[in-house]
Amino acid sequence: SGLDEQGRAIDVRDPLAGEFAALARKAGPVAERLAPALLGIEKVFGPLGSEPRLREAVTAALGRLYEDGARRAVAALVSA
């Protein structure tokens, strides 16, 4: 399982949940560390994970999530 922004448990049902969680714990809330770690999962992203434009976009999106929270980050993306 994961945690929401208030620290409440979220029931995550994904076969890679453990791998994602371990990467997130290791990276901490730092988009510049987490984005390349996630994109480096070959079985999910394949060679696309090394594309600089994708890495920049994912890093920026994660940064916005960490900085603004999910609700505000999504609202900003929808209104852009």
N, C-alpha and C. Protein backbone atom coordinates (compact mmCIF):
# COMPACT_ATOMS: atom_id res chain seq x y z
N SER A 1 0.83 -1.18 0.00
CA SER A 1 0.00 0.00 0.00
C SER A 1 0.88 1.24 0.00
N GLY A 2 0.26 2.36 -0.25
CA GLY A 2 0.96 3.64 -0.25
C GLY A 2 0.30 4.58 0.73
N LEU A 3 0.69 5.82 0.69
CA LEU A 3 0.11 6.84 1.58
C LEU A 3 -0.33 8.03 0.76
N ASP A 4 -1.46 8.63 1.17
CA ASP A 4 -1.89 9.86 0.51
C ASP A 4 -1.20 11.05 1.17
N GLU A 5 -1.56 12.26 0.75
CA GLU A 5 -0.88 13.45 1.26
C GLU A 5 -1.14 13.71 2.74
N GLN A 6 -2.18 13.08 3.29
CA GLN A 6 -2.47 13.22 4.72
C GLN A 6 -1.90 12.05 5.53
N GLY A 7 -1.17 11.16 4.86
CA GLY A 7 -0.57 10.03 5.54
C GLY A 7 -1.49 8.84 5.71
N ARG A 8 -2.66 8.87 5.08
CA ARG A 8 -3.59 7.74 5.15
C ARG A 8 -3.21 6.68 4.13
N ALA A 9 -3.47 5.44 4.47
CA ALA A 9 -3.12 4.32 3.59
C ALA A 9 -3.96 4.32 2.32
N ILE A 10 -3.32 3.97 1.22
CA ILE A 10 -3.97 3.77 -0.08
C ILE A 10 -3.72 2.32 -0.46
N ASP A 11 -4.78 1.62 -0.85
CA ASP A 11 -4.64 0.22 -1.25
C ASP A 11 -4.13 0.19 -2.70
N VAL A 12 -2.86 -0.08 -2.87
CA VAL A 12 -2.24 -0.13 -4.20
C VAL A 12 -2.16 -1.58 -4.64
N ARG A 13 -2.72 -1.86 -5.81
CA ARG A 13 -2.69 -3.23 -6.34
C ARG A 13 -1.97 -3.23 -7.68
N ASP A 14 -0.69 -3.27 -7.60
CA ASP A 14 0.17 -3.25 -8.78
C ASP A 14 1.29 -4.23 -8.54
N PRO A 15 1.59 -5.10 -9.51
CA PRO A 15 2.65 -6.07 -9.28
C PRO A 15 4.02 -5.44 -9.04
N LEU A 16 4.20 -4.19 -9.45
CA LEU A 16 5.48 -3.51 -9.24
C LEU A 16 5.44 -2.53 -8.07
N ALA A 17 4.38 -2.57 -7.28
CA ALA A 17 4.23 -1.62 -6.17
C ALA A 17 5.43 -1.65 -5.23
N GLY A 18 5.92 -2.81 -4.91
CA GLY A 18 7.07 -2.90 -4.00
C GLY A 18 8.31 -2.26 -4.59
N GLU A 19 8.53 -2.47 -5.88
CA GLU A 19 9.69 -1.87 -6.55
C GLU A 19 9.56 -0.34 -6.58
N PHE A 20 8.36 0.15 -6.92
CA PHE A 20 8.14 1.60 -6.94
C PHE A 20 8.34 2.20 -5.55
N ALA A 21 7.80 1.53 -4.54
CA ALA A 21 7.91 2.04 -3.16
C ALA A 21 9.36 2.08 -2.71
N ALA A 22 10.13 1.05 -3.04
CA ALA A 22 11.54 1.03 -2.65
C ALA A 22 12.31 2.18 -3.31
N LEU A 23 12.03 2.42 -4.58
CA LEU A 23 12.69 3.53 -5.28
C LEU A 23 12.30 4.87 -4.66
N ALA A 24 11.02 5.02 -4.32
CA ALA A 24 10.55 6.27 -3.72
C ALA A 24 11.19 6.49 -2.35
N ARG A 25 11.29 5.44 -1.55
CA ARG A 25 11.94 5.58 -0.24
C ARG A 25 13.40 5.99 -0.39
N LYS A 26 14.09 5.36 -1.34
CA LYS A 26 15.51 5.65 -1.54
C LYS A 26 15.72 7.08 -2.06
N ALA A 27 14.87 7.53 -2.98
CA ALA A 27 15.01 8.87 -3.57
C ALA A 27 14.55 9.96 -2.63
N GLY A 28 13.60 9.64 -1.75
CA GLY A 28 13.02 10.68 -0.91
C GLY A 28 12.18 11.61 -1.77
N PRO A 29 11.67 12.67 -1.19
CA PRO A 29 10.80 13.58 -1.94
C PRO A 29 11.61 14.56 -2.81
N VAL A 30 12.46 14.00 -3.66
CA VAL A 30 13.32 14.81 -4.53
C VAL A 30 13.08 14.36 -5.97
N ALA A 31 12.37 15.19 -6.72
CA ALA A 31 11.99 14.83 -8.09
C ALA A 31 13.20 14.49 -8.95
N GLU A 32 14.29 15.19 -8.75
CA GLU A 32 15.49 14.97 -9.56
C GLU A 32 16.13 13.60 -9.31
N ARG A 33 15.80 12.98 -8.19
CA ARG A 33 16.29 11.62 -7.91
C ARG A 33 15.24 10.57 -8.28
N LEU A 34 13.97 10.87 -7.99
CA LEU A 34 12.93 9.87 -8.22
C LEU A 34 12.62 9.67 -9.69
N ALA A 35 12.54 10.74 -10.46
CA ALA A 35 12.18 10.60 -11.88
C ALA A 35 13.12 9.65 -12.62
N PRO A 36 14.44 9.85 -12.58
CA PRO A 36 15.30 8.92 -13.31
C PRO A 36 15.24 7.49 -12.75
N ALA A 37 15.01 7.36 -11.45
CA ALA A 37 14.90 6.02 -10.87
C ALA A 37 13.68 5.30 -11.44
N LEU A 38 12.55 5.98 -11.48
CA LEU A 38 11.34 5.36 -12.02
C LEU A 38 11.48 5.09 -13.51
N LEU A 39 11.99 6.08 -14.24
CA LEU A 39 12.13 5.92 -15.68
C LEU A 39 13.17 4.87 -16.04
N GLY A 40 14.01 4.51 -15.10
CA GLY A 40 15.01 3.47 -15.33
C GLY A 40 14.47 2.06 -15.22
N ILE A 41 13.19 1.91 -14.88
CA ILE A 41 12.59 0.57 -14.81
C ILE A 41 12.34 0.10 -16.24
N GLU A 42 13.24 -0.70 -16.73
CA GLU A 42 13.25 -1.13 -18.13
C GLU A 42 11.95 -1.83 -18.53
N LYS A 43 11.40 -2.67 -17.65
CA LYS A 43 10.20 -3.43 -18.01
C LYS A 43 8.96 -2.55 -18.13
N VAL A 44 9.04 -1.33 -17.64
CA VAL A 44 7.92 -0.39 -17.77
C VAL A 44 8.17 0.58 -18.93
N PHE A 45 9.33 1.19 -18.95
CA PHE A 45 9.59 2.28 -19.90
C PHE A 45 10.46 1.89 -21.09
N GLY A 46 11.20 0.79 -20.97
CA GLY A 46 12.07 0.40 -22.07
C GLY A 46 13.04 1.52 -22.41
N PRO A 47 13.40 1.65 -23.69
CA PRO A 47 14.36 2.68 -24.08
C PRO A 47 13.80 4.10 -23.95
N LEU A 48 12.48 4.23 -23.92
CA LEU A 48 11.87 5.56 -23.77
C LEU A 48 12.30 6.23 -22.47
N GLY A 49 12.59 5.44 -21.45
CA GLY A 49 12.99 5.98 -20.16
C GLY A 49 14.25 6.80 -20.18
N SER A 50 15.06 6.66 -21.21
CA SER A 50 16.30 7.44 -21.29
C SER A 50 16.16 8.68 -22.17
N GLU A 51 14.98 8.93 -22.69
CA GLU A 51 14.75 10.11 -23.52
C GLU A 51 14.81 11.38 -22.67
N PRO A 52 15.69 12.31 -23.01
CA PRO A 52 15.84 13.53 -22.21
C PRO A 52 14.55 14.33 -22.05
N ARG A 53 13.76 14.44 -23.11
CA ARG A 53 12.52 15.24 -22.99
C ARG A 53 11.53 14.60 -22.03
N LEU A 54 11.44 13.28 -22.06
CA LEU A 54 10.56 12.59 -21.11
C LEU A 54 11.07 12.76 -19.69
N ARG A 55 12.36 12.61 -19.50
CA ARG A 55 12.95 12.78 -18.16
C ARG A 55 12.68 14.18 -17.62
N GLU A 56 12.84 15.18 -18.47
CA GLU A 56 12.58 16.56 -18.05
C GLU A 56 11.11 16.75 -17.67
N ALA A 57 10.21 16.22 -18.50
CA ALA A 57 8.77 16.37 -18.24
C ALA A 57 8.36 15.65 -16.95
N VAL A 58 8.84 14.44 -16.76
CA VAL A 58 8.49 13.68 -15.56
C VAL A 58 9.08 14.33 -14.32
N THR A 59 10.30 14.80 -14.42
CA THR A 59 10.94 15.49 -13.29
C THR A 59 10.16 16.74 -12.92
N ALA A 60 9.74 17.51 -13.92
CA ALA A 60 8.97 18.73 -13.65
C ALA A 60 7.61 18.39 -13.02
N ALA A 61 6.95 17.35 -13.54
CA ALA A 61 5.65 16.96 -12.99
C ALA A 61 5.77 16.47 -11.55
N LEU A 62 6.78 15.66 -11.27
CA LEU A 62 6.99 15.21 -9.89
C LEU A 62 7.32 16.37 -8.97
N GLY A 63 8.13 17.29 -9.46
CA GLY A 63 8.46 18.48 -8.67
C GLY A 63 7.23 19.27 -8.31
N ARG A 64 6.33 19.41 -9.28
CA ARG A 64 5.08 20.12 -9.03
C ARG A 64 4.23 19.37 -8.01
N LEU A 65 4.17 18.06 -8.12
CA LEU A 65 3.42 17.26 -7.14
C LEU A 65 3.97 17.45 -5.74
N TYR A 66 5.28 17.38 -5.60
CA TYR A 66 5.90 17.56 -4.29
C TYR A 66 5.69 18.97 -3.75
N GLU A 67 5.78 19.95 -4.62
CA GLU A 67 5.70 21.34 -4.18
C GLU A 67 4.26 21.78 -3.89
N ASP A 68 3.35 21.42 -4.79
CA ASP A 68 1.98 21.94 -4.71
C ASP A 68 0.96 20.94 -4.18
N GLY A 69 1.29 19.66 -4.17
CA GLY A 69 0.30 18.64 -3.82
C GLY A 69 -0.48 18.22 -5.06
N ALA A 70 -1.11 17.08 -4.98
CA ALA A 70 -1.78 16.50 -6.14
C ALA A 70 -2.92 17.36 -6.68
N ARG A 71 -3.78 17.85 -5.82
CA ARG A 71 -4.95 18.61 -6.27
C ARG A 71 -4.53 19.86 -7.04
N ARG A 72 -3.62 20.64 -6.49
CA ARG A 72 -3.18 21.87 -7.15
C ARG A 72 -2.36 21.58 -8.40
N ALA A 73 -1.55 20.53 -8.36
CA ALA A 73 -0.75 20.18 -9.54
C ALA A 73 -1.63 19.78 -10.71
N VAL A 74 -2.65 18.97 -10.45
CA VAL A 74 -3.57 18.56 -11.51
C VAL A 74 -4.36 19.75 -12.01
N ALA A 75 -4.83 20.59 -11.12
CA ALA A 75 -5.58 21.79 -11.53
C ALA A 75 -4.74 22.68 -12.43
N ALA A 76 -3.47 22.84 -12.11
CA ALA A 76 -2.58 23.67 -12.93
C ALA A 76 -2.38 23.05 -14.31
N LEU A 77 -2.25 21.73 -14.38
CA LEU A 77 -2.06 21.07 -15.67
C LEU A 77 -3.32 21.14 -16.52
N VAL A 78 -4.48 21.00 -15.89
CA VAL A 78 -5.74 21.03 -16.62
C VAL A 78 -6.03 22.42 -17.17
N SER A 79 -5.67 23.44 -16.42
CA SER A 79 -5.96 24.81 -16.85
C SER A 79 -4.90 25.37 -17.79
N ALA A 80 -3.80 24.66 -17.98
CA ALA A 80 -2.72 25.16 -18.85
C ALA A 80 -3.07 25.05 -20.32
